[in-house]
Amino acid sequence: MSEEATLKIDKETLEELQKLAEEGETMDQLARRLIETARGIQRLAGELDKLIEAEEAGRFDDV
């Protein structure tokens, strides 16, 4: 995932959290959503690590 895509996800997440706050979501609800988002980012980072390792090992040319 490119840095631009990551920034887009972060911006979209922030916009979603702001929208939820305006709609009256509690801090607990917002915190849960933020934790879910962080876990998703961790999964994506893990997949990116696998792609980088494969590329470094020469298992494919285009990542």
N, C-alpha and C. Protein backbone atom coordinates (compact mmCIF):
# COMPACT_ATOMS: atom_id res chain seq x y z
N MET A 1 0.85 -1.17 0.00
CA MET A 1 0.00 0.00 0.00
C MET A 1 0.90 1.23 0.00
N SER A 2 0.57 2.16 -0.86
CA SER A 2 1.39 3.36 -0.97
C SER A 2 1.13 4.30 0.20
N GLU A 3 2.07 5.20 0.39
CA GLU A 3 1.92 6.20 1.45
C GLU A 3 0.67 7.03 1.20
N GLU A 4 0.41 7.33 -0.08
CA GLU A 4 -0.78 8.11 -0.44
C GLU A 4 -2.05 7.37 -0.04
N ALA A 5 -2.10 6.07 -0.28
CA ALA A 5 -3.26 5.29 0.10
C ALA A 5 -3.43 5.25 1.61
N THR A 6 -2.32 5.12 2.33
CA THR A 6 -2.38 5.12 3.78
C THR A 6 -2.90 6.44 4.30
N LEU A 7 -2.41 7.54 3.74
CA LEU A 7 -2.88 8.86 4.16
C LEU A 7 -4.36 9.02 3.86
N LYS A 8 -4.81 8.48 2.74
CA LYS A 8 -6.23 8.56 2.39
C LYS A 8 -7.07 7.81 3.42
N ILE A 9 -6.61 6.62 3.81
CA ILE A 9 -7.32 5.85 4.83
C ILE A 9 -7.36 6.64 6.13
N ASP A 10 -6.22 7.20 6.52
CA ASP A 10 -6.17 7.98 7.76
C ASP A 10 -7.12 9.16 7.70
N LYS A 11 -7.16 9.86 6.57
CA LYS A 11 -8.05 11.01 6.42
C LYS A 11 -9.51 10.56 6.48
N GLU A 12 -9.82 9.46 5.79
CA GLU A 12 -11.18 8.95 5.81
C GLU A 12 -11.58 8.51 7.22
N THR A 13 -10.66 7.90 7.94
CA THR A 13 -10.93 7.47 9.32
C THR A 13 -11.21 8.68 10.20
N LEU A 14 -10.39 9.70 10.07
CA LEU A 14 -10.58 10.91 10.86
C LEU A 14 -11.94 11.54 10.55
N GLU A 15 -12.28 11.62 9.28
CA GLU A 15 -13.57 12.20 8.89
C GLU A 15 -14.72 11.39 9.46
N GLU A 16 -14.60 10.06 9.44
CA GLU A 16 -15.63 9.19 9.99
C GLU A 16 -15.78 9.40 11.49
N LEU A 17 -14.65 9.47 12.20
CA LEU A 17 -14.70 9.70 13.65
C LEU A 17 -15.32 11.05 13.98
N GLN A 18 -14.98 12.08 13.19
CA GLN A 18 -15.57 13.41 13.41
C GLN A 18 -17.08 13.37 13.19
N LYS A 19 -17.50 12.67 12.15
CA LYS A 19 -18.93 12.54 11.86
C LYS A 19 -19.65 11.84 13.02
N LEU A 20 -19.05 10.77 13.50
CA LEU A 20 -19.66 10.03 14.61
C LEU A 20 -19.74 10.89 15.86
N ALA A 21 -18.71 11.66 16.13
CA ALA A 21 -18.72 12.54 17.30
C ALA A 21 -19.84 13.56 17.18
N GLU A 22 -20.03 14.10 15.99
CA GLU A 22 -21.10 15.07 15.78
C GLU A 22 -22.47 14.43 15.94
N GLU A 23 -22.57 13.14 15.67
CA GLU A 23 -23.83 12.43 15.80
C GLU A 23 -24.09 11.96 17.23
N GLY A 24 -23.16 12.25 18.14
CA GLY A 24 -23.38 11.95 19.55
C GLY A 24 -22.82 10.62 20.03
N GLU A 25 -21.92 10.02 19.27
CA GLU A 25 -21.29 8.79 19.73
C GLU A 25 -20.52 9.09 21.01
N THR A 26 -20.51 8.14 21.91
CA THR A 26 -19.77 8.33 23.15
C THR A 26 -18.28 8.11 22.91
N MET A 27 -17.49 8.55 23.86
CA MET A 27 -16.05 8.35 23.75
C MET A 27 -15.70 6.86 23.71
N ASP A 28 -16.44 6.03 24.44
CA ASP A 28 -16.21 4.59 24.40
C ASP A 28 -16.44 4.04 23.00
N GLN A 29 -17.54 4.47 22.37
CA GLN A 29 -17.84 4.01 21.02
C GLN A 29 -16.77 4.47 20.03
N LEU A 30 -16.35 5.71 20.17
CA LEU A 30 -15.30 6.23 19.29
C LEU A 30 -13.99 5.49 19.52
N ALA A 31 -13.68 5.20 20.78
CA ALA A 31 -12.45 4.48 21.10
C ALA A 31 -12.48 3.08 20.49
N ARG A 32 -13.62 2.40 20.57
CA ARG A 32 -13.74 1.06 19.99
C ARG A 32 -13.52 1.10 18.48
N ARG A 33 -14.11 2.09 17.83
CA ARG A 33 -13.93 2.23 16.38
C ARG A 33 -12.47 2.51 16.04
N LEU A 34 -11.83 3.34 16.83
CA LEU A 34 -10.43 3.65 16.60
C LEU A 34 -9.55 2.42 16.77
N ILE A 35 -9.86 1.61 17.77
CA ILE A 35 -9.12 0.37 17.99
C ILE A 35 -9.32 -0.58 16.81
N GLU A 36 -10.56 -0.69 16.32
CA GLU A 36 -10.82 -1.53 15.16
C GLU A 36 -10.03 -1.05 13.95
N THR A 37 -9.97 0.26 13.77
CA THR A 37 -9.21 0.83 12.66
C THR A 37 -7.73 0.52 12.80
N ALA A 38 -7.21 0.67 14.01
CA ALA A 38 -5.79 0.38 14.26
C ALA A 38 -5.48 -1.08 13.96
N ARG A 39 -6.37 -1.98 14.33
CA ARG A 39 -6.15 -3.40 14.04
C ARG A 39 -6.14 -3.64 12.53
N GLY A 40 -7.02 -2.96 11.81
CA GLY A 40 -7.03 -3.09 10.35
C GLY A 40 -5.74 -2.59 9.75
N ILE A 41 -5.22 -1.49 10.26
CA ILE A 41 -3.96 -0.95 9.76
C ILE A 41 -2.82 -1.92 10.07
N GLN A 42 -2.85 -2.55 11.24
CA GLN A 42 -1.83 -3.53 11.59
C GLN A 42 -1.86 -4.71 10.61
N ARG A 43 -3.07 -5.17 10.26
CA ARG A 43 -3.18 -6.27 9.30
C ARG A 43 -2.60 -5.86 7.95
N LEU A 44 -2.93 -4.65 7.51
CA LEU A 44 -2.39 -4.17 6.24
C LEU A 44 -0.87 -4.06 6.29
N ALA A 45 -0.34 -3.60 7.40
CA ALA A 45 1.11 -3.49 7.55
C ALA A 45 1.76 -4.87 7.48
N GLY A 46 1.12 -5.86 8.06
CA GLY A 46 1.63 -7.23 8.00
C GLY A 46 1.67 -7.75 6.57
N GLU A 47 0.62 -7.46 5.82
CA GLU A 47 0.59 -7.86 4.41
C GLU A 47 1.68 -7.15 3.62
N LEU A 48 1.88 -5.88 3.91
CA LEU A 48 2.93 -5.12 3.24
C LEU A 48 4.30 -5.69 3.57
N ASP A 49 4.52 -6.08 4.81
CA ASP A 49 5.78 -6.71 5.20
C ASP A 49 6.03 -7.99 4.40
N LYS A 50 4.97 -8.78 4.20
CA LYS A 50 5.12 -10.01 3.41
C LYS A 50 5.51 -9.69 1.98
N LEU A 51 4.88 -8.67 1.40
CA LEU A 51 5.22 -8.28 0.03
C LEU A 51 6.66 -7.80 -0.07
N ILE A 52 7.09 -7.02 0.90
CA ILE A 52 8.46 -6.52 0.91
C ILE A 52 9.45 -7.67 1.03
N GLU A 53 9.17 -8.62 1.91
CA GLU A 53 10.05 -9.78 2.08
C GLU A 53 10.13 -10.59 0.79
N ALA A 54 8.99 -10.78 0.14
CA ALA A 54 8.96 -11.54 -1.11
C ALA A 54 9.76 -10.81 -2.18
N GLU A 55 9.62 -9.52 -2.27
CA GLU A 55 10.34 -8.74 -3.26
C GLU A 55 11.84 -8.80 -2.98
N GLU A 56 12.23 -8.66 -1.73
CA GLU A 56 13.65 -8.71 -1.36
C GLU A 56 14.25 -10.09 -1.62
N ALA A 57 13.44 -11.11 -1.49
CA ALA A 57 13.91 -12.48 -1.73
C ALA A 57 13.92 -12.80 -3.22
N GLY A 58 13.43 -11.88 -4.04
CA GLY A 58 13.43 -12.09 -5.48
C GLY A 58 12.36 -13.04 -5.96
N ARG A 59 11.30 -13.20 -5.17
CA ARG A 59 10.24 -14.13 -5.57
C ARG A 59 9.33 -13.54 -6.64
N PHE A 60 9.38 -12.24 -6.80
CA PHE A 60 8.69 -11.62 -7.92
C PHE A 60 9.29 -10.26 -8.19
N ASP A 61 9.13 -9.80 -9.41
CA ASP A 61 9.78 -8.57 -9.83
C ASP A 61 8.97 -7.32 -9.51
N ASP A 62 7.69 -7.37 -9.73
CA ASP A 62 6.85 -6.19 -9.50
C ASP A 62 6.02 -6.37 -8.25
N VAL A 63 6.20 -5.48 -7.33
CA VAL A 63 5.41 -5.52 -6.08
C VAL A 63 4.23 -4.62 -6.27
